[in-house]
Amino acid sequence: MEGMPKSIIVRVVNGSIRERIPSDEPPHQAVKDVVISSLAEWDPSRSDLIVTKHSLGEEEIYLVSIKGEWEQGEYVEKELLLVAPYSEEGTINDLLKEIAEYTSKG
């Protein structure tokens, strides 16, 4: 379908979905743009910058961690950016719930 975004970028902060941004770039390109723009927000004195690729069925998704910290011997994600193929369906919602839960452990 013409005009439909190719990816969705979702910002999750402390367990809450803060924004959803459609992108006309495919996920493998959109993640590069996300990493570049995240550099301004990343504080290397407090956290690592981590980019991981995961398979979700036949699709690949990317997680960009820009605000994770060690707390009592455990690495706690404070803020993640998810880059995934765009879908009109709710297939991404289960994944978003898991990520929101993961970032709320802090």
PDB file of N, CA and C in Angstrom:
ATOM      1  N   MET A   1       0.848  -1.176   0.000  1.00  0.00           N
ATOM      2  CA  MET A   1       0.000   0.000   0.000  1.00  0.00           C
ATOM      3  C   MET A   1       0.894   1.241   0.000  1.00  0.00           C
ATOM      4  N   GLU A   2       0.682   2.113  -0.952  1.00  0.00           N
ATOM      5  CA  GLU A   2       1.480   3.333  -1.093  1.00  0.00           C
ATOM      6  C   GLU A   2       1.218   4.287   0.062  1.00  0.00           C
ATOM      7  N   GLY A   3       2.274   4.909   0.546  1.00  0.00           N
ATOM      8  CA  GLY A   3       2.130   5.911   1.595  1.00  0.00           C
ATOM      9  C   GLY A   3       2.185   5.355   2.999  1.00  0.00           C
ATOM     10  N   MET A   4       2.150   4.045   3.156  1.00  0.00           N
ATOM     11  CA  MET A   4       2.204   3.453   4.486  1.00  0.00           C
ATOM     12  C   MET A   4       3.649   3.475   4.983  1.00  0.00           C
ATOM     13  N   PRO A   5       3.874   3.834   6.243  1.00  0.00           N
ATOM     14  CA  PRO A   5       5.236   3.818   6.785  1.00  0.00           C
ATOM     15  C   PRO A   5       5.831   2.418   6.709  1.00  0.00           C
ATOM     16  N   LYS A   6       7.157   2.346   6.643  1.00  0.00           N
ATOM     17  CA  LYS A   6       7.843   1.053   6.583  1.00  0.00           C
ATOM     18  C   LYS A   6       8.263   0.568   7.966  1.00  0.00           C
ATOM     19  N   SER A   7       8.441   1.508   8.915  1.00  0.00           N
ATOM     20  CA  SER A   7       8.868   1.150  10.264  1.00  0.00           C
ATOM     21  C   SER A   7       8.134   2.002  11.278  1.00  0.00           C
ATOM     22  N   ILE A   8       8.233   1.530  12.507  1.00  0.00           N
ATOM     23  CA  ILE A   8       7.715   2.305  13.634  1.00  0.00           C
ATOM     24  C   ILE A   8       8.843   2.384  14.662  1.00  0.00           C
ATOM     25  N   ILE A   9       9.019   3.564  15.213  1.00  0.00           N
ATOM     26  CA  ILE A   9      10.023   3.789  16.261  1.00  0.00           C
ATOM     27  C   ILE A   9       9.237   4.111  17.523  1.00  0.00           C
ATOM     28  N   VAL A  10       9.489   3.349  18.574  1.00  0.00           N
ATOM     29  CA  VAL A  10       8.740   3.519  19.817  1.00  0.00           C
ATOM     30  C   VAL A  10       9.719   3.795  20.949  1.00  0.00           C
ATOM     31  N   ARG A  11       9.479   4.888  21.674  1.00  0.00           N
ATOM     32  CA  ARG A  11      10.306   5.248  22.839  1.00  0.00           C
ATOM     33  C   ARG A  11       9.591   4.754  24.089  1.00  0.00           C
ATOM     34  N   VAL A  12      10.299   3.948  24.890  1.00  0.00           N
ATOM     35  CA  VAL A  12       9.761   3.421  26.139  1.00  0.00           C
ATOM     36  C   VAL A  12      10.650   3.924  27.273  1.00  0.00           C
ATOM     37  N   VAL A  13      10.041   4.634  28.228  1.00  0.00           N
ATOM     38  CA  VAL A  13      10.782   5.215  29.345  1.00  0.00           C
ATOM     39  C   VAL A  13      10.156   4.744  30.651  1.00  0.00           C
ATOM     40  N   ASN A  14      10.963   4.083  31.480  1.00  0.00           N
ATOM     41  CA  ASN A  14      10.508   3.603  32.790  1.00  0.00           C
ATOM     42  C   ASN A  14       9.158   2.909  32.726  1.00  0.00           C
ATOM     43  N   GLY A  15       8.987   2.062  31.736  1.00  0.00           N
ATOM     44  CA  GLY A  15       7.779   1.262  31.628  1.00  0.00           C
ATOM     45  C   GLY A  15       6.619   1.905  30.902  1.00  0.00           C
ATOM     46  N   SER A  16       6.797   3.122  30.425  1.00  0.00           N
ATOM     47  CA  SER A  16       5.712   3.816  29.724  1.00  0.00           C
ATOM     48  C   SER A  16       6.101   4.104  28.283  1.00  0.00           C
ATOM     49  N   ILE A  17       5.170   3.863  27.389  1.00  0.00           N
ATOM     50  CA  ILE A  17       5.394   4.208  25.991  1.00  0.00           C
ATOM     51  C   ILE A  17       5.217   5.715  25.870  1.00  0.00           C
ATOM     52  N   ARG A  18       6.285   6.407  25.505  1.00  0.00           N
ATOM     53  CA  ARG A  18       6.262   7.868  25.457  1.00  0.00           C
ATOM     54  C   ARG A  18       5.929   8.419  24.083  1.00  0.00           C
ATOM     55  N   GLU A  19       6.385   7.744  23.036  1.00  0.00           N
ATOM     56  CA  GLU A  19       6.045   8.208  21.694  1.00  0.00           C
ATOM     57  C   GLU A  19       6.177   7.086  20.687  1.00  0.00           C
ATOM     58  N   ARG A  20       5.404   7.216  19.624  1.00  0.00           N
ATOM     59  CA  ARG A  20       5.454   6.302  18.483  1.00  0.00           C
ATOM     60  C   ARG A  20       5.637   7.159  17.248  1.00  0.00           C
ATOM     61  N   ILE A  21       6.695   6.861  16.506  1.00  0.00           N
ATOM     62  CA  ILE A  21       7.016   7.679  15.338  1.00  0.00           C
ATOM     63  C   ILE A  21       7.090   6.773  14.110  1.00  0.00           C
ATOM     64  N   PRO A  22       6.209   6.984  13.132  1.00  0.00           N
ATOM     65  CA  PRO A  22       6.320   6.215  11.897  1.00  0.00           C
ATOM     66  C   PRO A  22       7.510   6.706  11.078  1.00  0.00           C
ATOM     67  N   SER A  23       8.125   5.791  10.331  1.00  0.00           N
ATOM     68  CA  SER A  23       9.267   6.136   9.495  1.00  0.00           C
ATOM     69  C   SER A  23       9.076   5.546   8.106  1.00  0.00           C
ATOM     70  N   ASP A  24       9.488   6.293   7.097  1.00  0.00           N
ATOM     71  CA  ASP A  24       9.425   5.803   5.722  1.00  0.00           C
ATOM     72  C   ASP A  24      10.623   4.932   5.368  1.00  0.00           C
ATOM     73  N   GLU A  25      11.578   4.821   6.277  1.00  0.00           N
ATOM     74  CA  GLU A  25      12.761   3.986   6.061  1.00  0.00           C
ATOM     75  C   GLU A  25      12.466   2.560   6.535  1.00  0.00           C
ATOM     76  N   PRO A  26      13.039   1.557   5.895  1.00  0.00           N
ATOM     77  CA  PRO A  26      12.907   0.191   6.424  1.00  0.00           C
ATOM     78  C   PRO A  26      13.654   0.102   7.753  1.00  0.00           C
ATOM     79  N   PRO A  27      13.286  -0.846   8.614  1.00  0.00           N
ATOM     80  CA  PRO A  27      13.900  -0.917   9.952  1.00  0.00           C
ATOM     81  C   PRO A  27      15.428  -0.935   9.956  1.00  0.00           C
ATOM     82  N   HIS A  28      16.058  -1.663   9.026  1.00  0.00           N
ATOM     83  CA  HIS A  28      17.522  -1.742   9.045  1.00  0.00           C
ATOM     84  C   HIS A  28      18.180  -0.397   8.745  1.00  0.00           C
ATOM     85  N   GLN A  29      17.473   0.516   8.107  1.00  0.00           N
ATOM     86  CA  GLN A  29      17.999   1.867   7.888  1.00  0.00           C
ATOM     87  C   GLN A  29      17.542   2.813   9.000  1.00  0.00           C
ATOM     88  N   ALA A  30      16.300   2.669   9.414  1.00  0.00           N
ATOM     89  CA  ALA A  30      15.758   3.537  10.468  1.00  0.00           C
ATOM     90  C   ALA A  30      16.559   3.405  11.759  1.00  0.00           C
ATOM     91  N   VAL A  31      17.034   2.194  12.079  1.00  0.00           N
ATOM     92  CA  VAL A  31      17.802   2.013  13.311  1.00  0.00           C
ATOM     93  C   VAL A  31      19.094   2.822  13.271  1.00  0.00           C
ATOM     94  N   LYS A  32      19.701   2.946  12.109  1.00  0.00           N
ATOM     95  CA  LYS A  32      20.916   3.763  11.996  1.00  0.00           C
ATOM     96  C   LYS A  32      20.609   5.223  12.302  1.00  0.00           C
ATOM     97  N   ASP A  33      19.489   5.710  11.779  1.00  0.00           N
ATOM     98  CA  ASP A  33      19.082   7.090  12.043  1.00  0.00           C
ATOM     99  C   ASP A  33      18.785   7.294  13.533  1.00  0.00           C
ATOM    100  N   VAL A  34      18.146   6.291  14.151  1.00  0.00           N
ATOM    101  CA  VAL A  34      17.826   6.371  15.579  1.00  0.00           C
ATOM    102  C   VAL A  34      19.111   6.428  16.408  1.00  0.00           C
ATOM    103  N   VAL A  35      20.079   5.601  16.074  1.00  0.00           N
ATOM    104  CA  VAL A  35      21.341   5.599  16.826  1.00  0.00           C
ATOM    105  C   VAL A  35      22.035   6.952  16.698  1.00  0.00           C
ATOM    106  N   ILE A  36      22.092   7.479  15.499  1.00  0.00           N
ATOM    107  CA  ILE A  36      22.743   8.777  15.294  1.00  0.00           C
ATOM    108  C   ILE A  36      22.042   9.869  16.098  1.00  0.00           C
ATOM    109  N   SER A  37      20.720   9.916  16.057  1.00  0.00           N
ATOM    110  CA  SER A  37      20.005  10.962  16.794  1.00  0.00           C
ATOM    111  C   SER A  37      20.062  10.738  18.308  1.00  0.00           C
ATOM    112  N   SER A  38      20.237   9.488  18.737  1.00  0.00           N
ATOM    113  CA  SER A  38      20.308   9.177  20.171  1.00  0.00           C
ATOM    114  C   SER A  38      21.615   9.615  20.812  1.00  0.00           C
ATOM    115  N   LEU A  39      22.641   9.810  20.011  1.00  0.00           N
ATOM    116  CA  LEU A  39      23.940  10.200  20.561  1.00  0.00           C
ATOM    117  C   LEU A  39      23.852  11.491  21.375  1.00  0.00           C
ATOM    118  N   ALA A  40      22.992  12.404  20.971  1.00  0.00           N
ATOM    119  CA  ALA A  40      22.849  13.668  21.702  1.00  0.00           C
ATOM    120  C   ALA A  40      22.233  13.453  23.086  1.00  0.00           C
ATOM    121  N   GLU A  41      21.415  12.407  23.244  1.00  0.00           N
ATOM    122  CA  GLU A  41      20.747  12.132  24.528  1.00  0.00           C
ATOM    123  C   GLU A  41      21.576  11.238  25.444  1.00  0.00           C
ATOM    124  N   TRP A  42      22.490  10.485  24.869  1.00  0.00           N
ATOM    125  CA  TRP A  42      23.253   9.495  25.608  1.00  0.00           C
ATOM    126  C   TRP A  42      24.305  10.149  26.487  1.00  0.00           C
ATOM    127  N   ASP A  43      24.368   9.743  27.734  1.00  0.00           N
ATOM    128  CA  ASP A  43      25.377  10.226  28.676  1.00  0.00           C
ATOM    129  C   ASP A  43      26.345   9.078  28.970  1.00  0.00           C
ATOM    130  N   PRO A  44      27.506   9.063  28.283  1.00  0.00           N
ATOM    131  CA  PRO A  44      28.433   7.946  28.454  1.00  0.00           C
ATOM    132  C   PRO A  44      28.996   7.810  29.862  1.00  0.00           C
ATOM    133  N   SER A  45      28.875   8.831  30.674  1.00  0.00           N
ATOM    134  CA  SER A  45      29.369   8.717  32.042  1.00  0.00           C
ATOM    135  C   SER A  45      28.380   7.965  32.941  1.00  0.00           C
ATOM    136  N   ARG A  46      27.155   7.763  32.464  1.00  0.00           N
ATOM    137  CA  ARG A  46      26.130   7.096  33.274  1.00  0.00           C
ATOM    138  C   ARG A  46      25.661   5.768  32.711  1.00  0.00           C
ATOM    139  N   SER A  47      25.742   5.597  31.386  1.00  0.00           N
ATOM    140  CA  SER A  47      25.179   4.378  30.812  1.00  0.00           C
ATOM    141  C   SER A  47      25.913   3.951  29.551  1.00  0.00           C
ATOM    142  N   ASP A  48      25.645   2.713  29.176  1.00  0.00           N
ATOM    143  CA  ASP A  48      26.155   2.187  27.925  1.00  0.00           C
ATOM    144  C   ASP A  48      25.173   2.544  26.814  1.00  0.00           C
ATOM    145  N   LEU A  49      25.653   2.550  25.602  1.00  0.00           N
ATOM    146  CA  LEU A  49      24.798   2.664  24.422  1.00  0.00           C
ATOM    147  C   LEU A  49      24.819   1.286  23.775  1.00  0.00           C
ATOM    148  N   ILE A  50      23.669   0.625  23.768  1.00  0.00           N
ATOM    149  CA  ILE A  50      23.604  -0.754  23.307  1.00  0.00           C
ATOM    150  C   ILE A  50      22.563  -0.869  22.199  1.00  0.00           C
ATOM    151  N   VAL A  51      22.957  -1.509  21.093  1.00  0.00           N
ATOM    152  CA  VAL A  51      22.040  -1.770  19.990  1.00  0.00           C
ATOM    153  C   VAL A  51      22.001  -3.276  19.786  1.00  0.00           C
ATOM    154  N   THR A  52      20.798  -3.846  19.833  1.00  0.00           N
ATOM    155  CA  THR A  52      20.660  -5.286  19.618  1.00  0.00           C
ATOM    156  C   THR A  52      19.610  -5.547  18.545  1.00  0.00           C
ATOM    157  N   LYS A  53      19.808  -6.649  17.829  1.00  0.00           N
ATOM    158  CA  LYS A  53      18.881  -7.071  16.782  1.00  0.00           C
ATOM    159  C   LYS A  53      18.226  -8.363  17.243  1.00  0.00           C
ATOM    160  N   HIS A  54      16.922  -8.471  17.043  1.00  0.00           N
ATOM    161  CA  HIS A  54      16.162  -9.645  17.450  1.00  0.00           C
ATOM    162  C   HIS A  54      15.264 -10.084  16.302  1.00  0.00           C
ATOM    163  N   SER A  55      14.954 -11.356  16.273  1.00  0.00           N
ATOM    164  CA  SER A  55      14.013 -11.869  15.273  1.00  0.00           C
ATOM    165  C   SER A  55      12.638 -12.003  15.903  1.00  0.00           C
ATOM    166  N   LEU A  56      11.644 -11.549  15.184  1.00  0.00           N
ATOM    167  CA  LEU A  56      10.246 -11.671  15.594  1.00  0.00           C
ATOM    168  C   LEU A  56       9.548 -12.355  14.424  1.00  0.00           C
ATOM    169  N   GLY A  57       9.545 -13.678  14.470  1.00  0.00           N
ATOM    170  CA  GLY A  57       9.069 -14.423  13.306  1.00  0.00           C
ATOM    171  C   GLY A  57      10.029 -14.202  12.154  1.00  0.00           C
ATOM    172  N   GLU A  58       9.523 -13.752  11.030  1.00  0.00           N
ATOM    173  CA  GLU A  58      10.368 -13.492   9.866  1.00  0.00           C
ATOM    174  C   GLU A  58      10.912 -12.063   9.851  1.00  0.00           C
ATOM    175  N   GLU A  59      10.456 -11.242  10.762  1.00  0.00           N
ATOM    176  CA  GLU A  59      10.860  -9.839  10.810  1.00  0.00           C
ATOM    177  C   GLU A  59      12.008  -9.640  11.788  1.00  0.00           C
ATOM    178  N   GLU A  60      12.809  -8.614  11.530  1.00  0.00           N
ATOM    179  CA  GLU A  60      13.856  -8.235  12.470  1.00  0.00           C
ATOM    180  C   GLU A  60      13.465  -6.937  13.142  1.00  0.00           C
ATOM    181  N   ILE A  61      13.712  -6.876  14.445  1.00  0.00           N
ATOM    182  CA  ILE A  61      13.477  -5.658  15.209  1.00  0.00           C
ATOM    183  C   ILE A  61      14.789  -5.271  15.873  1.00  0.00           C
ATOM    184  N   TYR A  62      14.872  -4.023  16.257  1.00  0.00           N
ATOM    185  CA  TYR A  62      16.091  -3.510  16.883  1.00  0.00           C
ATOM    186  C   TYR A  62      15.713  -2.796  18.176  1.00  0.00           C
ATOM    187  N   LEU A  63      16.539  -2.974  19.193  1.00  0.00           N
ATOM    188  CA  LEU A  63      16.393  -2.252  20.446  1.00  0.00           C
ATOM    189  C   LEU A  63      17.628  -1.391  20.636  1.00  0.00           C
ATOM    190  N   VAL A  64      17.402  -0.131  20.940  1.00  0.00           N
ATOM    191  CA  VAL A  64      18.494   0.806  21.201  1.00  0.00           C
ATOM    192  C   VAL A  64      18.336   1.261  22.648  1.00  0.00           C
ATOM    193  N   SER A  65      19.287   0.881  23.475  1.00  0.00           N
ATOM    194  CA  SER A  65      19.274   1.257  24.880  1.00  0.00           C
ATOM    195  C   SER A  65      20.186   2.461  25.062  1.00  0.00           C
ATOM    196  N   ILE A  66      19.610   3.565  25.544  1.00  0.00           N
ATOM    197  CA  ILE A  66      20.432   4.762  25.743  1.00  0.00           C
ATOM    198  C   ILE A  66      20.534   5.182  27.202  1.00  0.00           C
ATOM    199  N   LYS A  67      19.692   4.596  28.049  1.00  0.00           N
ATOM    200  CA  LYS A  67      19.736   4.972  29.463  1.00  0.00           C
ATOM    201  C   LYS A  67      19.545   3.737  30.335  1.00  0.00           C
ATOM    202  N   GLY A  68      20.561   2.910  30.377  1.00  0.00           N
ATOM    203  CA  GLY A  68      20.560   1.768  31.272  1.00  0.00           C
ATOM    204  C   GLY A  68      21.623   1.992  32.333  1.00  0.00           C
ATOM    205  N   GLU A  69      21.354   1.512  33.543  1.00  0.00           N
ATOM    206  CA  GLU A  69      22.290   1.723  34.639  1.00  0.00           C
ATOM    207  C   GLU A  69      22.413   0.473  35.491  1.00  0.00           C
ATOM    208  N   TRP A  70      23.577   0.307  36.106  1.00  0.00           N
ATOM    209  CA  TRP A  70      23.764  -0.773  37.065  1.00  0.00           C
ATOM    210  C   TRP A  70      23.210  -0.326  38.407  1.00  0.00           C
ATOM    211  N   GLU A  71      22.301  -1.137  38.941  1.00  0.00           N
ATOM    212  CA  GLU A  71      21.725  -0.867  40.258  1.00  0.00           C
ATOM    213  C   GLU A  71      21.763  -2.146  41.071  1.00  0.00           C
ATOM    214  N   GLN A  72      22.499  -2.131  42.160  1.00  0.00           N
ATOM    215  CA  GLN A  72      22.635  -3.274  43.056  1.00  0.00           C
ATOM    216  C   GLN A  72      23.013  -4.543  42.296  1.00  0.00           C
ATOM    217  N   GLY A  73      23.991  -4.427  41.410  1.00  0.00           N
ATOM    218  CA  GLY A  73      24.501  -5.566  40.680  1.00  0.00           C
ATOM    219  C   GLY A  73      23.651  -6.028  39.511  1.00  0.00           C
ATOM    220  N   GLU A  74      22.612  -5.307  39.187  1.00  0.00           N
ATOM    221  CA  GLU A  74      21.725  -5.680  38.084  1.00  0.00           C
ATOM    222  C   GLU A  74      21.620  -4.520  37.098  1.00  0.00           C
ATOM    223  N   TYR A  75      21.684  -4.844  35.808  1.00  0.00           N
ATOM    224  CA  TYR A  75      21.564  -3.803  34.776  1.00  0.00           C
ATOM    225  C   TYR A  75      20.094  -3.500  34.564  1.00  0.00           C
ATOM    226  N   VAL A  76      19.718  -2.245  34.751  1.00  0.00           N
ATOM    227  CA  VAL A  76      18.321  -1.830  34.655  1.00  0.00           C
ATOM    228  C   VAL A  76      18.168  -0.871  33.477  1.00  0.00           C
ATOM    229  N   GLU A  77      17.295  -1.229  32.551  1.00  0.00           N
ATOM    230  CA  GLU A  77      17.001  -0.371  31.401  1.00  0.00           C
ATOM    231  C   GLU A  77      16.034   0.724  31.833  1.00  0.00           C
ATOM    232  N   LYS A  78      16.412   1.953  31.605  1.00  0.00           N
ATOM    233  CA  LYS A  78      15.557   3.088  31.927  1.00  0.00           C
ATOM    234  C   LYS A  78      14.828   3.608  30.689  1.00  0.00           C
ATOM    235  N   GLU A  79      15.521   3.540  29.550  1.00  0.00           N
ATOM    236  CA  GLU A  79      14.936   4.060  28.314  1.00  0.00           C
ATOM    237  C   GLU A  79      15.424   3.236  27.127  1.00  0.00           C
ATOM    238  N   LEU A  80      14.467   2.803  26.326  1.00  0.00           N
ATOM    239  CA  LEU A  80      14.751   2.024  25.124  1.00  0.00           C
ATOM    240  C   LEU A  80      14.026   2.631  23.936  1.00  0.00           C
ATOM    241  N   LEU A  81      14.620   2.461  22.780  1.00  0.00           N
ATOM    242  CA  LEU A  81      13.947   2.802  21.530  1.00  0.00           C
ATOM    243  C   LEU A  81      13.814   1.511  20.733  1.00  0.00           C
ATOM    244  N   LEU A  82      12.607   1.189  20.344  1.00  0.00           N
ATOM    245  CA  LEU A  82      12.319   0.007  19.543  1.00  0.00           C
ATOM    246  C   LEU A  82      12.143   0.444  18.103  1.00  0.00           C
ATOM    247  N   VAL A  83      12.798  -0.251  17.182  1.00  0.00           N
ATOM    248  CA  VAL A  83      12.614  -0.002  15.756  1.00  0.00           C
ATOM    249  C   VAL A  83      12.113  -1.318  15.165  1.00  0.00           C
ATOM    250  N   ALA A  84      10.918  -1.276  14.589  1.00  0.00           N
ATOM    251  CA  ALA A  84      10.287  -2.496  14.082  1.00  0.00           C
ATOM    252  C   ALA A  84       9.555  -2.202  12.784  1.00  0.00           C
ATOM    253  N   PRO A  85       9.261  -3.259  12.022  1.00  0.00           N
ATOM    254  CA  PRO A  85       8.446  -3.052  10.823  1.00  0.00           C
ATOM    255  C   PRO A  85       7.087  -2.481  11.220  1.00  0.00           C
ATOM    256  N   TYR A  86       6.585  -1.577  10.426  1.00  0.00           N
ATOM    257  CA  TYR A  86       5.278  -0.981  10.697  1.00  0.00           C
ATOM    258  C   TYR A  86       4.199  -2.012  10.438  1.00  0.00           C
ATOM    259  N   SER A  87       3.196  -2.023  11.267  1.00  0.00           N
ATOM    260  CA  SER A  87       2.072  -2.941  11.099  1.00  0.00           C
ATOM    261  C   SER A  87       0.795  -2.236  11.519  1.00  0.00           C
ATOM    262  N   GLU A  88      -0.232  -2.373  10.707  1.00  0.00           N
ATOM    263  CA  GLU A  88      -1.555  -1.835  11.063  1.00  0.00           C
ATOM    264  C   GLU A  88      -2.178  -2.674  12.174  1.00  0.00           C
ATOM    265  N   GLU A  89      -1.780  -3.922  12.250  1.00  0.00           N
ATOM    266  CA  GLU A  89      -2.346  -4.842  13.222  1.00  0.00           C
ATOM    267  C   GLU A  89      -1.690  -4.646  14.575  1.00  0.00           C
ATOM    268  N   GLY A  90      -2.246  -5.268  15.575  1.00  0.00           N
ATOM    269  CA  GLY A  90      -1.717  -5.150  16.931  1.00  0.00           C
ATOM    270  C   GLY A  90      -0.607  -6.121  17.236  1.00  0.00           C
ATOM    271  N   THR A  91       0.068  -6.670  16.221  1.00  0.00           N
ATOM    272  CA  THR A  91       1.086  -7.687  16.471  1.00  0.00           C
ATOM    273  C   THR A  91       2.251  -7.156  17.299  1.00  0.00           C
ATOM    274  N   ILE A  92       2.528  -5.875  17.222  1.00  0.00           N
ATOM    275  CA  ILE A  92       3.654  -5.300  17.955  1.00  0.00           C
ATOM    276  C   ILE A  92       3.275  -5.009  19.416  1.00  0.00           C
ATOM    277  N   ASN A  93       1.980  -4.972  19.710  1.00  0.00           N
ATOM    278  CA  ASN A  93       1.533  -4.590  21.053  1.00  0.00           C
ATOM    279  C   ASN A  93       2.033  -5.522  22.148  1.00  0.00           C
ATOM    280  N   ASP A  94       2.073  -6.839  21.888  1.00  0.00           N
ATOM    281  CA  ASP A  94       2.587  -7.770  22.893  1.00  0.00           C
ATOM    282  C   ASP A  94       4.056  -7.495  23.184  1.00  0.00           C
ATOM    283  N   LEU A  95       4.819  -7.239  22.143  1.00  0.00           N
ATOM    284  CA  LEU A  95       6.227  -6.913  22.309  1.00  0.00           C
ATOM    285  C   LEU A  95       6.388  -5.615  23.102  1.00  0.00           C
ATOM    286  N   LEU A  96       5.580  -4.622  22.795  1.00  0.00           N
ATOM    287  CA  LEU A  96       5.655  -3.347  23.517  1.00  0.00           C
ATOM    288  C   LEU A  96       5.338  -3.533  25.000  1.00  0.00           C
ATOM    289  N   LYS A  97       4.378  -4.392  25.307  1.00  0.00           N
ATOM    290  CA  LYS A  97       4.057  -4.661  26.709  1.00  0.00           C
ATOM    291  C   LYS A  97       5.253  -5.272  27.427  1.00  0.00           C
ATOM    292  N   GLU A  98       5.935  -6.213  26.761  1.00  0.00           N
ATOM    293  CA  GLU A  98       7.122  -6.828  27.362  1.00  0.00           C
ATOM    294  C   GLU A  98       8.221  -5.806  27.589  1.00  0.00           C
ATOM    295  N   ILE A  99       8.435  -4.945  26.609  1.00  0.00           N
ATOM    296  CA  ILE A  99       9.484  -3.931  26.738  1.00  0.00           C
ATOM    297  C   ILE A  99       9.128  -2.930  27.818  1.00  0.00           C
ATOM    298  N   ALA A 100       7.871  -2.525  27.874  1.00  0.00           N
ATOM    299  CA  ALA A 100       7.438  -1.598  28.930  1.00  0.00           C
ATOM    300  C   ALA A 100       7.672  -2.216  30.297  1.00  0.00           C
ATOM    301  N   GLU A 101       7.346  -3.482  30.439  1.00  0.00           N
ATOM    302  CA  GLU A 101       7.555  -4.166  31.712  1.00  0.00           C
ATOM    303  C   GLU A 101       9.048  -4.252  32.048  1.00  0.00           C
ATOM    304  N   TYR A 102       9.853  -4.547  31.045  1.00  0.00           N
ATOM    305  CA  TYR A 102      11.314  -4.662  31.225  1.00  0.00           C
ATOM    306  C   TYR A 102      11.918  -3.344  31.700  1.00  0.00           C
ATOM    307  N   THR A 103      11.461  -2.214  31.146  1.00  0.00           N
ATOM    308  CA  THR A 103      12.025  -0.919  31.523  1.00  0.00           C
ATOM    309  C   THR A 103      11.418  -0.370  32.823  1.00  0.00           C
ATOM    310  N   SER A 104      10.394  -1.032  33.352  1.00  0.00           N
ATOM    311  CA  SER A 104       9.805  -0.553  34.595  1.00  0.00           C
ATOM    312  C   SER A 104      10.459  -1.165  35.820  1.00  0.00           C
ATOM    313  N   LYS A 105      11.429  -2.044  35.616  1.00  0.00           N
ATOM    314  CA  LYS A 105      12.113  -2.714  36.730  1.00  0.00           C
ATOM    315  C   LYS A 105      13.218  -1.834  37.290  1.00  0.00           C
ATOM    316  N   GLY A 106      12.891  -0.688  37.756  1.00  0.00           N
ATOM    317  CA  GLY A 106      13.950   0.167  38.241  1.00  0.00           C
ATOM    318  C   GLY A 106      13.588   1.035  39.366  1.00  0.00           C
TER     319      GLY A 106
END
